[in-house]
């Protein structure tokens, strides 16, 4: 036994973390796996939620490391979102710790059901489909423009010139121009309220927060899906790190469980991209929704 945990229990928490990191990348709901796993080992709800917040920091760090390309050139917005996330995370953490524990125990089933419904509605999948359609349209227009230009050049140039040009110019795939993120000065006022609300929710509970952030940023037409997907990771990471600091200072963390969970989340988030390409998104999303509903019923029966 190590600090009340058997070696088997610690390995199971590590595996739960890997699953949470994987699910967090795939459908944006790490806590649907990690939080109930901690409850299963007898950790009280508030302590489990605080420890879970520390643990899922690994998912955010892995996501930010993998999104450096999408975040390039967005230093000001990135810093702003991390700061908002940090303040919101502190606010959410204090709400969790200062309110009566029974409030969270009562709210947890409702929050889990909410995150399950968000995943079922699948705004992320719709954004990806919309982005794919936009990319295809832009690429088609680019190809048509290129072909028209080449046709014009062909009628004006001699066959010898055209042959020389083809011989000396390397061929390259047609690509649409990279979509930019709109300037922060053009953001509507409600965007900042939405980002702040997501950050507070992340500090208080967090399940489904990534999907909520995606919905807010997409509604505001900040940029392409890949850009806002990277930006939402910053909000959650800032919130989870600052909330973790509050929980640690207040002594509300089961350290051993949190460390094993964090390691697992980092591994899960790191290996997820190569694996999720081979699994239909609908299957992963359906599994997460079913698990969330079952957990909601189980906690609801115990609480109400």
C-alpha atoms as a PDB file:
ATOM      1  CA  UNK A   1       0.000   0.000   0.000  1.00  0.00           C
ATOM      2  CA  UNK A   2       1.222   3.502  -0.840  1.00  0.00           C
ATOM      3  CA  UNK A   3      -0.627   6.388   0.859  1.00  0.00           C
ATOM      4  CA  UNK A   4      -3.752   4.246   1.089  1.00  0.00           C
ATOM      5  CA  UNK A   5      -3.574   2.942  -2.493  1.00  0.00           C
ATOM      6  CA  UNK A   6      -2.522  -0.498  -3.657  1.00  0.00           C
ATOM      7  CA  UNK A   7      -0.188  -0.835  -6.629  1.00  0.00           C
ATOM      8  CA  UNK A   8      -3.130  -2.210  -8.610  1.00  0.00           C
ATOM      9  CA  UNK A   9      -5.267   0.830  -7.756  1.00  0.00           C
ATOM     10  CA  UNK A  10      -2.523   3.231  -8.840  1.00  0.00           C
ATOM     11  CA  UNK A  11      -2.126   1.407 -12.148  1.00  0.00           C
ATOM     12  CA  UNK A  12      -5.885   1.561 -12.682  1.00  0.00           C
ATOM     13  CA  UNK A  13      -5.856   5.330 -12.026  1.00  0.00           C
ATOM     14  CA  UNK A  14      -3.014   5.642 -14.541  1.00  0.00           C
ATOM     15  CA  UNK A  15      -5.073   3.722 -17.100  1.00  0.00           C
ATOM     16  CA  UNK A  16      -8.082   5.918 -16.325  1.00  0.00           C
ATOM     17  CA  UNK A  17      -5.873   8.943 -16.991  1.00  0.00           C
ATOM     18  CA  UNK A  18      -4.803   7.529 -20.352  1.00  0.00           C
ATOM     19  CA  UNK A  19      -8.462   7.009 -21.210  1.00  0.00           C
ATOM     20  CA  UNK A  20      -9.333  10.520 -20.021  1.00  0.00           C
ATOM     21  CA  UNK A  21      -6.574  12.087 -22.111  1.00  0.00           C
ATOM     22  CA  UNK A  22      -7.716  10.098 -25.118  1.00  0.00           C
ATOM     23  CA  UNK A  23     -11.379  11.054 -24.678  1.00  0.00           C
ATOM     24  CA  UNK A  24     -10.399  14.662 -23.977  1.00  0.00           C
ATOM     25  CA  UNK A  25      -8.677  14.870 -27.350  1.00  0.00           C
ATOM     26  CA  UNK A  26     -11.378  12.931 -29.197  1.00  0.00           C
ATOM     27  CA  UNK A  27     -14.575  14.465 -27.835  1.00  0.00           C
ATOM     28  CA  UNK A  28     -13.493  17.139 -25.344  1.00  0.00           C
ATOM     29  CA  UNK A  29     -14.654  15.505 -22.104  1.00  0.00           C
ATOM     30  CA  UNK A  30     -11.716  14.172 -20.074  1.00  0.00           C
ATOM     31  CA  UNK A  31     -13.608  14.460 -16.789  1.00  0.00           C
ATOM     32  CA  UNK A  32     -16.309  12.056 -17.919  1.00  0.00           C
ATOM     33  CA  UNK A  33     -13.663   9.343 -17.515  1.00  0.00           C
ATOM     34  CA  UNK A  34     -11.304  10.657 -14.845  1.00  0.00           C
ATOM     35  CA  UNK A  35     -13.780  12.033 -12.274  1.00  0.00           C
ATOM     36  CA  UNK A  36     -15.890   8.870 -11.888  1.00  0.00           C
ATOM     37  CA  UNK A  37     -12.685   6.822 -11.788  1.00  0.00           C
ATOM     38  CA  UNK A  38     -11.545   8.744  -8.703  1.00  0.00           C
ATOM     39  CA  UNK A  39     -14.992   8.344  -7.131  1.00  0.00           C
ATOM     40  CA  UNK A  40     -14.739   4.603  -7.694  1.00  0.00           C
ATOM     41  CA  UNK A  41     -11.668   4.472  -5.431  1.00  0.00           C
ATOM     42  CA  UNK A  42     -13.611   6.018  -2.569  1.00  0.00           C
ATOM     43  CA  UNK A  43     -12.341   9.595  -2.862  1.00  0.00           C
ATOM     44  CA  UNK A  44     -15.055  12.078  -1.686  1.00  0.00           C
ATOM     45  CA  UNK A  45     -16.721  14.103  -4.487  1.00  0.00           C
ATOM     46  CA  UNK A  46     -15.160  17.525  -3.801  1.00  0.00           C
ATOM     47  CA  UNK A  47     -11.697  16.061  -3.160  1.00  0.00           C
ATOM     48  CA  UNK A  48     -12.066  13.880  -6.262  1.00  0.00           C
ATOM     49  CA  UNK A  49     -13.037  16.873  -8.399  1.00  0.00           C
ATOM     50  CA  UNK A  50     -10.105  18.958  -7.130  1.00  0.00           C
ATOM     51  CA  UNK A  51      -7.661  16.096  -7.679  1.00  0.00           C
ATOM     52  CA  UNK A  52      -9.176  15.526 -11.102  1.00  0.00           C
ATOM     53  CA  UNK A  53      -8.546  19.163 -12.054  1.00  0.00           C
ATOM     54  CA  UNK A  54      -4.867  18.765 -11.171  1.00  0.00           C
ATOM     55  CA  UNK A  55      -4.736  15.522 -13.119  1.00  0.00           C
ATOM     56  CA  UNK A  56      -6.271  16.776 -16.356  1.00  0.00           C
ATOM     57  CA  UNK A  57      -3.672  19.552 -16.553  1.00  0.00           C
ATOM     58  CA  UNK A  58      -1.648  16.892 -18.378  1.00  0.00           C
ATOM     59  CA  UNK A  59      -4.225  16.790 -21.172  1.00  0.00           C
ATOM     60  CA  UNK A  60      -4.043  20.561 -21.649  1.00  0.00           C
ATOM     61  CA  UNK A  61      -0.246  20.689 -21.685  1.00  0.00           C
ATOM     62  CA  UNK A  62      -0.100  17.923 -24.257  1.00  0.00           C
ATOM     63  CA  UNK A  63      -2.714  19.700 -26.378  1.00  0.00           C
ATOM     64  CA  UNK A  64      -0.885  23.029 -26.296  1.00  0.00           C
ATOM     65  CA  UNK A  65       2.399  21.346 -27.249  1.00  0.00           C
ATOM     66  CA  UNK A  66       0.703  19.723 -30.213  1.00  0.00           C
ATOM     67  CA  UNK A  67      -0.999  22.944 -31.347  1.00  0.00           C
ATOM     68  CA  UNK A  68       2.065  25.172 -31.725  1.00  0.00           C
ATOM     69  CA  UNK A  69       1.536  25.417 -35.470  1.00  0.00           C
ATOM     70  CA  UNK A  70      -2.094  26.583 -35.102  1.00  0.00           C
ATOM     71  CA  UNK A  71      -1.136  29.094 -32.399  1.00  0.00           C
ATOM     72  CA  UNK A  72       1.696  30.643 -34.401  1.00  0.00           C
ATOM     73  CA  UNK A  73       1.142  34.380 -34.892  1.00  0.00           C
ATOM     74  CA  UNK A  74      -1.538  34.550 -32.173  1.00  0.00           C
ATOM     75  CA  UNK A  75       0.624  35.601 -29.236  1.00  0.00           C
ATOM     76  CA  UNK A  76      -1.614  38.424 -27.966  1.00  0.00           C
ATOM     77  CA  UNK A  77      -4.862  36.441 -28.189  1.00  0.00           C
ATOM     78  CA  UNK A  78      -3.170  33.373 -26.717  1.00  0.00           C
ATOM     79  CA  UNK A  79      -1.857  35.298 -23.702  1.00  0.00           C
ATOM     80  CA  UNK A  80      -5.250  36.969 -23.241  1.00  0.00           C
ATOM     81  CA  UNK A  81      -7.118  33.659 -23.236  1.00  0.00           C
ATOM     82  CA  UNK A  82      -4.668  32.080 -20.808  1.00  0.00           C
ATOM     83  CA  UNK A  83      -5.093  35.049 -18.439  1.00  0.00           C
ATOM     84  CA  UNK A  84      -8.892  34.923 -18.662  1.00  0.00           C
ATOM     85  CA  UNK A  85      -8.747  31.174 -18.132  1.00  0.00           C
ATOM     86  CA  UNK A  86      -6.515  31.630 -15.098  1.00  0.00           C
ATOM     87  CA  UNK A  87      -8.808  34.154 -13.392  1.00  0.00           C
ATOM     88  CA  UNK A  88     -11.887  32.086 -14.232  1.00  0.00           C
ATOM     89  CA  UNK A  89     -10.219  28.963 -12.903  1.00  0.00           C
ATOM     90  CA  UNK A  90      -9.520  30.661  -9.572  1.00  0.00           C
ATOM     91  CA  UNK A  91     -13.140  31.835  -9.338  1.00  0.00           C
ATOM     92  CA  UNK A  92     -14.451  28.361 -10.124  1.00  0.00           C
ATOM     93  CA  UNK A  93     -12.082  26.746  -7.632  1.00  0.00           C
ATOM     94  CA  UNK A  94     -13.201  29.042  -4.812  1.00  0.00           C
ATOM     95  CA  UNK A  95     -16.837  28.319  -5.647  1.00  0.00           C
ATOM     96  CA  UNK A  96     -16.114  24.618  -5.316  1.00  0.00           C
ATOM     97  CA  UNK A  97     -14.270  24.973  -2.013  1.00  0.00           C
ATOM     98  CA  UNK A  98     -16.333  27.672  -0.310  1.00  0.00           C
ATOM     99  CA  UNK A  99     -19.816  26.409  -1.085  1.00  0.00           C
ATOM    100  CA  UNK A 100     -21.242  23.621   1.031  1.00  0.00           C
ATOM    101  CA  UNK A 101     -20.001  20.240  -0.319  1.00  0.00           C
ATOM    102  CA  UNK A 102     -23.618  19.125  -0.668  1.00  0.00           C
ATOM    103  CA  UNK A 103     -24.097  21.812  -3.334  1.00  0.00           C
ATOM    104  CA  UNK A 104     -21.515  20.165  -5.573  1.00  0.00           C
ATOM    105  CA  UNK A 105     -22.802  16.691  -4.800  1.00  0.00           C
ATOM    106  CA  UNK A 106     -26.254  17.871  -5.870  1.00  0.00           C
ATOM    107  CA  UNK A 107     -24.948  19.670  -8.971  1.00  0.00           C
ATOM    108  CA  UNK A 108     -22.507  16.985 -10.188  1.00  0.00           C
ATOM    109  CA  UNK A 109     -25.111  14.691 -11.818  1.00  0.00           C
ATOM    110  CA  UNK A 110     -26.698  17.677 -13.573  1.00  0.00           C
ATOM    111  CA  UNK A 111     -23.308  18.919 -14.828  1.00  0.00           C
ATOM    112  CA  UNK A 112     -22.342  15.470 -16.081  1.00  0.00           C
ATOM    113  CA  UNK A 113     -25.669  15.163 -17.895  1.00  0.00           C
ATOM    114  CA  UNK A 114     -25.114  18.621 -19.402  1.00  0.00           C
ATOM    115  CA  UNK A 115     -21.688  17.660 -20.707  1.00  0.00           C
ATOM    116  CA  UNK A 116     -23.135  14.418 -22.131  1.00  0.00           C
ATOM    117  CA  UNK A 117     -25.852  16.344 -23.967  1.00  0.00           C
ATOM    118  CA  UNK A 118     -23.257  18.771 -25.341  1.00  0.00           C
ATOM    119  CA  UNK A 119     -21.298  15.838 -26.743  1.00  0.00           C
ATOM    120  CA  UNK A 120     -24.495  14.316 -28.176  1.00  0.00           C
ATOM    121  CA  UNK A 121     -25.386  17.563 -29.941  1.00  0.00           C
ATOM    122  CA  UNK A 122     -21.824  17.496 -31.277  1.00  0.00           C
ATOM    123  CA  UNK A 123     -21.089  21.136 -32.113  1.00  0.00           C
ATOM    124  CA  UNK A 124     -17.455  20.132 -32.594  1.00  0.00           C
ATOM    125  CA  UNK A 125     -18.330  17.657 -35.352  1.00  0.00           C
ATOM    126  CA  UNK A 126     -20.535  20.214 -37.067  1.00  0.00           C
ATOM    127  CA  UNK A 127     -17.726  22.764 -36.925  1.00  0.00           C
ATOM    128  CA  UNK A 128     -15.322  20.251 -38.446  1.00  0.00           C
ATOM    129  CA  UNK A 129     -17.787  19.477 -41.237  1.00  0.00           C
ATOM    130  CA  UNK A 130     -18.329  23.177 -41.886  1.00  0.00           C
ATOM    131  CA  UNK A 131     -14.574  23.737 -41.932  1.00  0.00           C
ATOM    132  CA  UNK A 132     -14.054  20.855 -44.351  1.00  0.00           C
ATOM    133  CA  UNK A 133     -16.700  22.268 -46.694  1.00  0.00           C
ATOM    134  CA  UNK A 134     -15.121  25.728 -46.520  1.00  0.00           C
ATOM    135  CA  UNK A 135     -11.672  24.297 -47.241  1.00  0.00           C
ATOM    136  CA  UNK A 136     -13.004  22.299 -50.189  1.00  0.00           C
ATOM    137  CA  UNK A 137     -14.743  25.360 -51.634  1.00  0.00           C
ATOM    138  CA  UNK A 138     -11.644  27.500 -51.230  1.00  0.00           C
ATOM    139  CA  UNK A 139      -9.464  24.819 -52.810  1.00  0.00           C
ATOM    140  CA  UNK A 140     -11.847  24.447 -55.760  1.00  0.00           C
ATOM    141  CA  UNK A 141     -11.808  28.199 -56.367  1.00  0.00           C
ATOM    142  CA  UNK A 142      -8.023  28.196 -56.126  1.00  0.00           C
ATOM    143  CA  UNK A 143      -7.751  25.376 -58.662  1.00  0.00           C
ATOM    144  CA  UNK A 144     -10.171  27.082 -61.042  1.00  0.00           C
ATOM    145  CA  UNK A 145      -8.255  30.362 -60.791  1.00  0.00           C
ATOM    146  CA  UNK A 146      -4.948  28.586 -61.359  1.00  0.00           C
ATOM    147  CA  UNK A 147      -6.288  26.702 -64.376  1.00  0.00           C
ATOM    148  CA  UNK A 148      -7.706  29.910 -65.854  1.00  0.00           C
ATOM    149  CA  UNK A 149      -4.367  31.647 -65.411  1.00  0.00           C
ATOM    150  CA  UNK A 150      -2.500  28.757 -66.979  1.00  0.00           C
ATOM    151  CA  UNK A 151      -4.909  28.691 -69.917  1.00  0.00           C
ATOM    152  CA  UNK A 152      -4.386  32.401 -70.533  1.00  0.00           C
ATOM    153  CA  UNK A 153      -0.640  32.015 -70.361  1.00  0.00           C
ATOM    154  CA  UNK A 154      -0.780  29.084 -72.763  1.00  0.00           C
ATOM    155  CA  UNK A 155      -2.515  31.136 -75.452  1.00  0.00           C
ATOM    156  CA  UNK A 156      -0.028  33.980 -75.123  1.00  0.00           C
ATOM    157  CA  UNK A 157       3.196  31.993 -74.895  1.00  0.00           C
ATOM    158  CA  UNK A 158       4.907  29.834 -77.468  1.00  0.00           C
ATOM    159  CA  UNK A 159       5.128  26.091 -77.117  1.00  0.00           C
ATOM    160  CA  UNK A 160       8.852  26.340 -76.462  1.00  0.00           C
ATOM    161  CA  UNK A 161       8.375  28.827 -73.625  1.00  0.00           C
ATOM    162  CA  UNK A 162       5.669  26.705 -72.076  1.00  0.00           C
ATOM    163  CA  UNK A 163       7.808  23.599 -72.318  1.00  0.00           C
ATOM    164  CA  UNK A 164      10.713  25.376 -70.643  1.00  0.00           C
ATOM    165  CA  UNK A 165       8.442  26.646 -67.927  1.00  0.00           C
ATOM    166  CA  UNK A 166       7.078  23.181 -67.182  1.00  0.00           C
ATOM    167  CA  UNK A 167      10.580  21.763 -67.140  1.00  0.00           C
ATOM    168  CA  UNK A 168      11.957  24.285 -64.673  1.00  0.00           C
ATOM    169  CA  UNK A 169       8.931  24.816 -62.374  1.00  0.00           C
ATOM    170  CA  UNK A 170       8.285  22.087 -59.766  1.00  0.00           C
ATOM    171  CA  UNK A 171       4.725  20.877 -59.494  1.00  0.00           C
ATOM    172  CA  UNK A 172       2.931  21.409 -56.181  1.00  0.00           C
ATOM    173  CA  UNK A 173      -0.519  20.483 -54.892  1.00  0.00           C
ATOM    174  CA  UNK A 174      -3.164  23.147 -55.018  1.00  0.00           C
ATOM    175  CA  UNK A 175      -3.795  24.553 -51.552  1.00  0.00           C
ATOM    176  CA  UNK A 176      -6.220  27.237 -50.456  1.00  0.00           C
ATOM    177  CA  UNK A 177      -4.685  30.238 -48.714  1.00  0.00           C
ATOM    178  CA  UNK A 178      -4.380  29.847 -44.935  1.00  0.00           C
ATOM    179  CA  UNK A 179      -7.342  31.249 -43.048  1.00  0.00           C
ATOM    180  CA  UNK A 180      -6.454  33.910 -40.513  1.00  0.00           C
ATOM    181  CA  UNK A 181      -7.877  34.661 -37.085  1.00  0.00           C
ATOM    182  CA  UNK A 182      -9.875  37.868 -36.957  1.00  0.00           C
ATOM    183  CA  UNK A 183      -8.337  40.801 -35.034  1.00  0.00           C
ATOM    184  CA  UNK A 184      -9.311  40.947 -31.357  1.00  0.00           C
ATOM    185  CA  UNK A 185     -10.649  44.470 -31.905  1.00  0.00           C
ATOM    186  CA  UNK A 186     -13.462  42.938 -33.991  1.00  0.00           C
ATOM    187  CA  UNK A 187     -14.605  40.525 -31.275  1.00  0.00           C
ATOM    188  CA  UNK A 188     -18.102  41.141 -29.937  1.00  0.00           C
ATOM    189  CA  UNK A 189     -18.469  41.984 -26.239  1.00  0.00           C
ATOM    190  CA  UNK A 190     -20.310  38.761 -25.516  1.00  0.00           C
ATOM    191  CA  UNK A 191     -17.322  36.694 -26.649  1.00  0.00           C
ATOM    192  CA  UNK A 192     -15.356  37.776 -23.595  1.00  0.00           C
ATOM    193  CA  UNK A 193     -18.261  36.964 -21.287  1.00  0.00           C
ATOM    194  CA  UNK A 194     -18.563  33.557 -22.912  1.00  0.00           C
ATOM    195  CA  UNK A 195     -14.849  32.824 -22.562  1.00  0.00           C
ATOM    196  CA  UNK A 196     -14.921  33.946 -18.907  1.00  0.00           C
ATOM    197  CA  UNK A 197     -17.970  31.764 -18.184  1.00  0.00           C
ATOM    198  CA  UNK A 198     -16.255  28.729 -19.723  1.00  0.00           C
ATOM    199  CA  UNK A 199     -13.148  29.424 -17.617  1.00  0.00           C
ATOM    200  CA  UNK A 200     -15.191  29.587 -14.388  1.00  0.00           C
ATOM    201  CA  UNK A 201     -16.987  26.376 -15.330  1.00  0.00           C
ATOM    202  CA  UNK A 202     -13.600  24.738 -16.004  1.00  0.00           C
ATOM    203  CA  UNK A 203     -12.388  25.650 -12.522  1.00  0.00           C
ATOM    204  CA  UNK A 204     -15.591  24.447 -10.871  1.00  0.00           C
ATOM    205  CA  UNK A 205     -16.132  21.167 -12.716  1.00  0.00           C
ATOM    206  CA  UNK A 206     -14.873  21.176 -16.286  1.00  0.00           C
ATOM    207  CA  UNK A 207     -16.489  18.208 -18.062  1.00  0.00           C
ATOM    208  CA  UNK A 208     -17.444  19.369 -21.559  1.00  0.00           C
ATOM    209  CA  UNK A 209     -15.780  22.775 -21.070  1.00  0.00           C
ATOM    210  CA  UNK A 210     -13.670  22.341 -24.191  1.00  0.00           C
ATOM    211  CA  UNK A 211     -16.751  21.760 -26.321  1.00  0.00           C
ATOM    212  CA  UNK A 212     -18.436  24.809 -24.779  1.00  0.00           C
ATOM    213  CA  UNK A 213     -15.384  26.929 -25.580  1.00  0.00           C
ATOM    214  CA  UNK A 214     -15.429  25.698 -29.167  1.00  0.00           C
ATOM    215  CA  UNK A 215     -19.088  26.641 -29.491  1.00  0.00           C
ATOM    216  CA  UNK A 216     -18.443  30.174 -28.181  1.00  0.00           C
ATOM    217  CA  UNK A 217     -15.435  30.819 -30.432  1.00  0.00           C
ATOM    218  CA  UNK A 218     -17.153  29.352 -33.481  1.00  0.00           C
ATOM    219  CA  UNK A 219     -20.280  31.465 -32.932  1.00  0.00           C
ATOM    220  CA  UNK A 220     -18.018  34.518 -32.801  1.00  0.00           C
ATOM    221  CA  UNK A 221     -16.386  33.510 -36.124  1.00  0.00           C
ATOM    222  CA  UNK A 222     -12.921  33.918 -34.618  1.00  0.00           C
ATOM    223  CA  UNK A 223     -11.269  31.761 -37.271  1.00  0.00           C
ATOM    224  CA  UNK A 224     -11.047  28.284 -38.774  1.00  0.00           C
ATOM    225  CA  UNK A 225     -11.840  25.183 -36.752  1.00  0.00           C
ATOM    226  CA  UNK A 226      -8.196  24.247 -36.308  1.00  0.00           C
ATOM    227  CA  UNK A 227      -7.355  27.730 -35.014  1.00  0.00           C
ATOM    228  CA  UNK A 228     -10.169  27.914 -32.475  1.00  0.00           C
ATOM    229  CA  UNK A 229      -9.602  24.311 -31.398  1.00  0.00           C
ATOM    230  CA  UNK A 230      -6.088  25.331 -30.361  1.00  0.00           C
ATOM    231  CA  UNK A 231      -7.363  28.513 -28.684  1.00  0.00           C
ATOM    232  CA  UNK A 232      -9.959  26.660 -26.596  1.00  0.00           C
ATOM    233  CA  UNK A 233      -7.154  24.473 -25.259  1.00  0.00           C
ATOM    234  CA  UNK A 234      -5.467  27.599 -23.894  1.00  0.00           C
ATOM    235  CA  UNK A 235      -8.605  28.634 -22.000  1.00  0.00           C
ATOM    236  CA  UNK A 236      -8.960  25.251 -20.352  1.00  0.00           C
ATOM    237  CA  UNK A 237      -5.256  24.935 -19.586  1.00  0.00           C
ATOM    238  CA  UNK A 238      -5.124  28.361 -17.937  1.00  0.00           C
ATOM    239  CA  UNK A 239      -8.216  27.583 -15.885  1.00  0.00           C
ATOM    240  CA  UNK A 240      -7.047  24.135 -14.798  1.00  0.00           C
ATOM    241  CA  UNK A 241      -3.570  25.322 -13.798  1.00  0.00           C
ATOM    242  CA  UNK A 242      -4.817  28.251 -11.697  1.00  0.00           C
ATOM    243  CA  UNK A 243      -7.596  26.169 -10.133  1.00  0.00           C
ATOM    244  CA  UNK A 244      -5.012  23.503  -9.334  1.00  0.00           C
ATOM    245  CA  UNK A 245      -2.887  26.082  -7.517  1.00  0.00           C
ATOM    246  CA  UNK A 246      -5.892  27.056  -5.388  1.00  0.00           C
ATOM    247  CA  UNK A 247      -6.717  23.434  -4.601  1.00  0.00           C
ATOM    248  CA  UNK A 248      -3.094  22.686  -3.694  1.00  0.00           C
ATOM    249  CA  UNK A 249      -2.826  25.732  -1.397  1.00  0.00           C
ATOM    250  CA  UNK A 250      -6.090  24.764   0.296  1.00  0.00           C
ATOM    251  CA  UNK A 251      -4.889  21.191   0.765  1.00  0.00           C
ATOM    252  CA  UNK A 252      -7.798  19.797  -1.270  1.00  0.00           C
ATOM    253  CA  UNK A 253      -5.781  17.423  -3.459  1.00  0.00           C
ATOM    254  CA  UNK A 254      -5.095  13.715  -3.142  1.00  0.00           C
ATOM    255  CA  UNK A 255      -1.560  13.995  -4.467  1.00  0.00           C
ATOM    256  CA  UNK A 256      -0.845  10.418  -5.396  1.00  0.00           C
ATOM    257  CA  UNK A 257      -4.094  10.018  -7.316  1.00  0.00           C
ATOM    258  CA  UNK A 258      -3.624  13.388  -9.025  1.00  0.00           C
ATOM    259  CA  UNK A 259      -0.048  12.608 -10.115  1.00  0.00           C
ATOM    260  CA  UNK A 260      -0.932   9.200 -11.555  1.00  0.00           C
ATOM    261  CA  UNK A 261      -3.933  10.733 -13.305  1.00  0.00           C
ATOM    262  CA  UNK A 262      -1.832  13.577 -14.736  1.00  0.00           C
ATOM    263  CA  UNK A 263       0.761  11.180 -16.145  1.00  0.00           C
ATOM    264  CA  UNK A 264      -1.982   9.103 -17.715  1.00  0.00           C
ATOM    265  CA  UNK A 265      -3.732  12.148 -19.186  1.00  0.00           C
ATOM    266  CA  UNK A 266      -0.520  13.315 -20.809  1.00  0.00           C
ATOM    267  CA  UNK A 267       0.075   9.879 -22.340  1.00  0.00           C
ATOM    268  CA  UNK A 268      -3.527   9.614 -23.511  1.00  0.00           C
ATOM    269  CA  UNK A 269      -3.503  13.065 -25.056  1.00  0.00           C
ATOM    270  CA  UNK A 270      -0.194  12.361 -26.774  1.00  0.00           C
ATOM    271  CA  UNK A 271      -1.172   9.033 -28.387  1.00  0.00           C
ATOM    272  CA  UNK A 272      -4.762   9.989 -29.234  1.00  0.00           C
ATOM    273  CA  UNK A 273      -4.225  11.674 -32.640  1.00  0.00           C
ATOM    274  CA  UNK A 274      -2.749   8.615 -34.349  1.00  0.00           C
ATOM    275  CA  UNK A 275      -5.412   6.290 -32.913  1.00  0.00           C
ATOM    276  CA  UNK A 276      -8.527   8.418 -33.402  1.00  0.00           C
ATOM    277  CA  UNK A 277      -7.873   8.547 -37.147  1.00  0.00           C
ATOM    278  CA  UNK A 278      -8.785   4.838 -37.272  1.00  0.00           C
ATOM    279  CA  UNK A 279     -11.951   4.984 -35.129  1.00  0.00           C
ATOM    280  CA  UNK A 280     -15.209   6.530 -36.390  1.00  0.00           C
ATOM    281  CA  UNK A 281     -15.925   9.695 -34.409  1.00  0.00           C
ATOM    282  CA  UNK A 282     -19.584   8.699 -33.963  1.00  0.00           C
ATOM    283  CA  UNK A 283     -18.575   5.566 -32.073  1.00  0.00           C
ATOM    284  CA  UNK A 284     -16.339   7.475 -29.647  1.00  0.00           C
ATOM    285  CA  UNK A 285     -18.953  10.158 -29.126  1.00  0.00           C
ATOM    286  CA  UNK A 286     -21.741   7.612 -28.541  1.00  0.00           C
ATOM    287  CA  UNK A 287     -19.620   5.765 -25.984  1.00  0.00           C
ATOM    288  CA  UNK A 288     -18.916   9.005 -24.097  1.00  0.00           C
ATOM    289  CA  UNK A 289     -22.602   9.968 -24.095  1.00  0.00           C
ATOM    290  CA  UNK A 290     -23.736   6.550 -22.862  1.00  0.00           C
ATOM    291  CA  UNK A 291     -21.105   6.570 -20.114  1.00  0.00           C
ATOM    292  CA  UNK A 292     -22.180  10.067 -19.050  1.00  0.00           C
ATOM    293  CA  UNK A 293     -25.861   9.105 -18.864  1.00  0.00           C
ATOM    294  CA  UNK A 294     -25.106   5.967 -16.846  1.00  0.00           C
ATOM    295  CA  UNK A 295     -22.933   7.977 -14.456  1.00  0.00           C
ATOM    296  CA  UNK A 296     -25.636  10.654 -14.138  1.00  0.00           C
ATOM    297  CA  UNK A 297     -28.230   8.031 -13.169  1.00  0.00           C
ATOM    298  CA  UNK A 298     -25.859   6.351 -10.717  1.00  0.00           C
ATOM    299  CA  UNK A 299     -24.858   9.581  -8.965  1.00  0.00           C
ATOM    300  CA  UNK A 300     -28.426  10.856  -9.094  1.00  0.00           C
ATOM    301  CA  UNK A 301     -29.757   7.793  -7.287  1.00  0.00           C
ATOM    302  CA  UNK A 302     -27.091   8.177  -4.597  1.00  0.00           C
ATOM    303  CA  UNK A 303     -27.613  11.938  -4.193  1.00  0.00           C
ATOM    304  CA  UNK A 304     -31.325  12.488  -4.614  1.00  0.00           C
END
